[in-house]
């Protein structure tokens, strides 16, 4: 069984750090960016579910499972036009 993941938040503390978000406008902008990322992830999950992938959530990511070889999984991800940086393989 192959395991891959989709990161939702890489490092929440770093992303929310004072250097990056120092006022309410910057917080709103980060929220817009996060919403776009979640929409891409949801669209990706829709595609993957239609092709037999199962998934569960972790604390900062989504864990994907499928009985497939890694090389075949990468081909499938490419054929589904999922951006390379969305699905990460161990």
Protein backbone atom coordinates (compact mmCIF):
# COMPACT_ATOMS: atom_id res chain seq x y z
CA UNK A 1 0.00 0.00 0.00
CA UNK A 2 1.48 3.32 -1.09
CA UNK A 3 1.30 6.28 1.24
CA UNK A 4 1.59 9.90 0.13
CA UNK A 5 0.54 13.18 1.67
CA UNK A 6 -0.72 16.66 0.95
CA UNK A 7 0.52 19.34 3.31
CA UNK A 8 -2.07 21.84 4.46
CA UNK A 9 0.16 23.81 6.82
CA UNK A 10 3.89 23.28 6.67
CA UNK A 11 4.77 25.05 9.91
CA UNK A 12 1.86 26.92 11.43
CA UNK A 13 3.98 28.78 13.95
CA UNK A 14 6.35 29.95 11.24
CA UNK A 15 3.55 30.93 8.85
CA UNK A 16 1.86 32.95 11.61
CA UNK A 17 5.14 34.48 12.85
CA UNK A 18 5.29 38.20 13.56
CA UNK A 19 7.76 38.71 10.73
CA UNK A 20 5.25 37.47 8.17
CA UNK A 21 1.92 38.60 9.65
CA UNK A 22 2.21 41.83 11.54
CA UNK A 23 -1.19 43.45 11.03
CA UNK A 24 -4.80 42.65 10.22
CA UNK A 25 -4.42 43.25 6.47
CA UNK A 26 -1.56 40.76 6.31
CA UNK A 27 -3.67 38.26 8.26
CA UNK A 28 -6.53 38.70 5.77
CA UNK A 29 -4.14 38.22 2.86
CA UNK A 30 -2.80 35.03 4.44
CA UNK A 31 -6.39 33.84 4.89
CA UNK A 32 -7.08 34.36 1.17
CA UNK A 33 -3.94 32.40 0.30
CA UNK A 34 -4.90 29.60 2.67
CA UNK A 35 -8.43 29.44 1.20
CA UNK A 36 -7.01 29.09 -2.32
CA UNK A 37 -4.71 26.31 -1.13
CA UNK A 38 -7.62 24.44 0.52
CA UNK A 39 -9.67 24.74 -2.71
CA UNK A 40 -6.79 23.19 -4.70
CA UNK A 41 -6.52 20.40 -2.14
CA UNK A 42 -10.28 19.72 -2.23
CA UNK A 43 -10.23 19.59 -6.05
CA UNK A 44 -7.26 17.21 -5.87
CA UNK A 45 -9.09 14.93 -3.43
CA UNK A 46 -12.12 14.83 -5.73
CA UNK A 47 -9.90 13.63 -8.60
CA UNK A 48 -8.04 11.10 -6.48
CA UNK A 49 -11.19 9.62 -4.92
CA UNK A 50 -12.59 8.97 -8.41
CA UNK A 51 -9.44 6.93 -9.09
CA UNK A 52 -9.58 4.77 -5.98
CA UNK A 53 -7.47 6.76 -3.54
CA UNK A 54 -8.46 6.80 0.14
CA UNK A 55 -7.46 9.55 2.54
CA UNK A 56 -7.54 10.70 6.14
CA UNK A 57 -6.52 13.89 7.86
CA UNK A 58 -3.52 14.43 10.06
CA UNK A 59 -2.75 17.44 12.24
CA UNK A 60 -1.18 19.42 9.38
CA UNK A 61 -1.69 17.27 6.33
CA UNK A 62 -3.87 14.81 4.48
CA UNK A 63 -2.58 11.26 4.20
CA UNK A 64 -3.36 9.43 0.97
CA UNK A 65 -3.46 5.65 0.46
CA UNK A 66 -3.75 3.41 -2.57
CA UNK A 67 -2.65 -0.09 -3.49
CA UNK A 68 -0.34 1.07 -6.30
CA UNK A 69 3.35 1.23 -7.07
CA UNK A 70 5.04 4.57 -6.54
CA UNK A 71 6.04 4.87 -10.20
CA UNK A 72 2.44 4.21 -11.29
CA UNK A 73 1.10 6.65 -8.69
CA UNK A 74 3.34 9.41 -10.04
CA UNK A 75 2.13 8.70 -13.58
CA UNK A 76 -1.48 8.80 -12.38
CA UNK A 77 -0.97 12.11 -10.56
CA UNK A 78 0.56 13.58 -13.72
CA UNK A 79 -2.24 12.25 -15.94
CA UNK A 80 -4.83 13.82 -13.61
CA UNK A 81 -3.07 17.18 -14.05
CA UNK A 82 -2.44 17.54 -10.33
CA UNK A 83 0.38 20.03 -9.69
CA UNK A 84 3.65 18.29 -8.74
CA UNK A 85 3.98 20.22 -5.48
CA UNK A 86 0.56 19.17 -4.12
CA UNK A 87 1.00 15.42 -3.61
CA UNK A 88 4.23 14.44 -1.83
CA UNK A 89 5.61 10.92 -1.74
CA UNK A 90 7.61 9.43 1.14
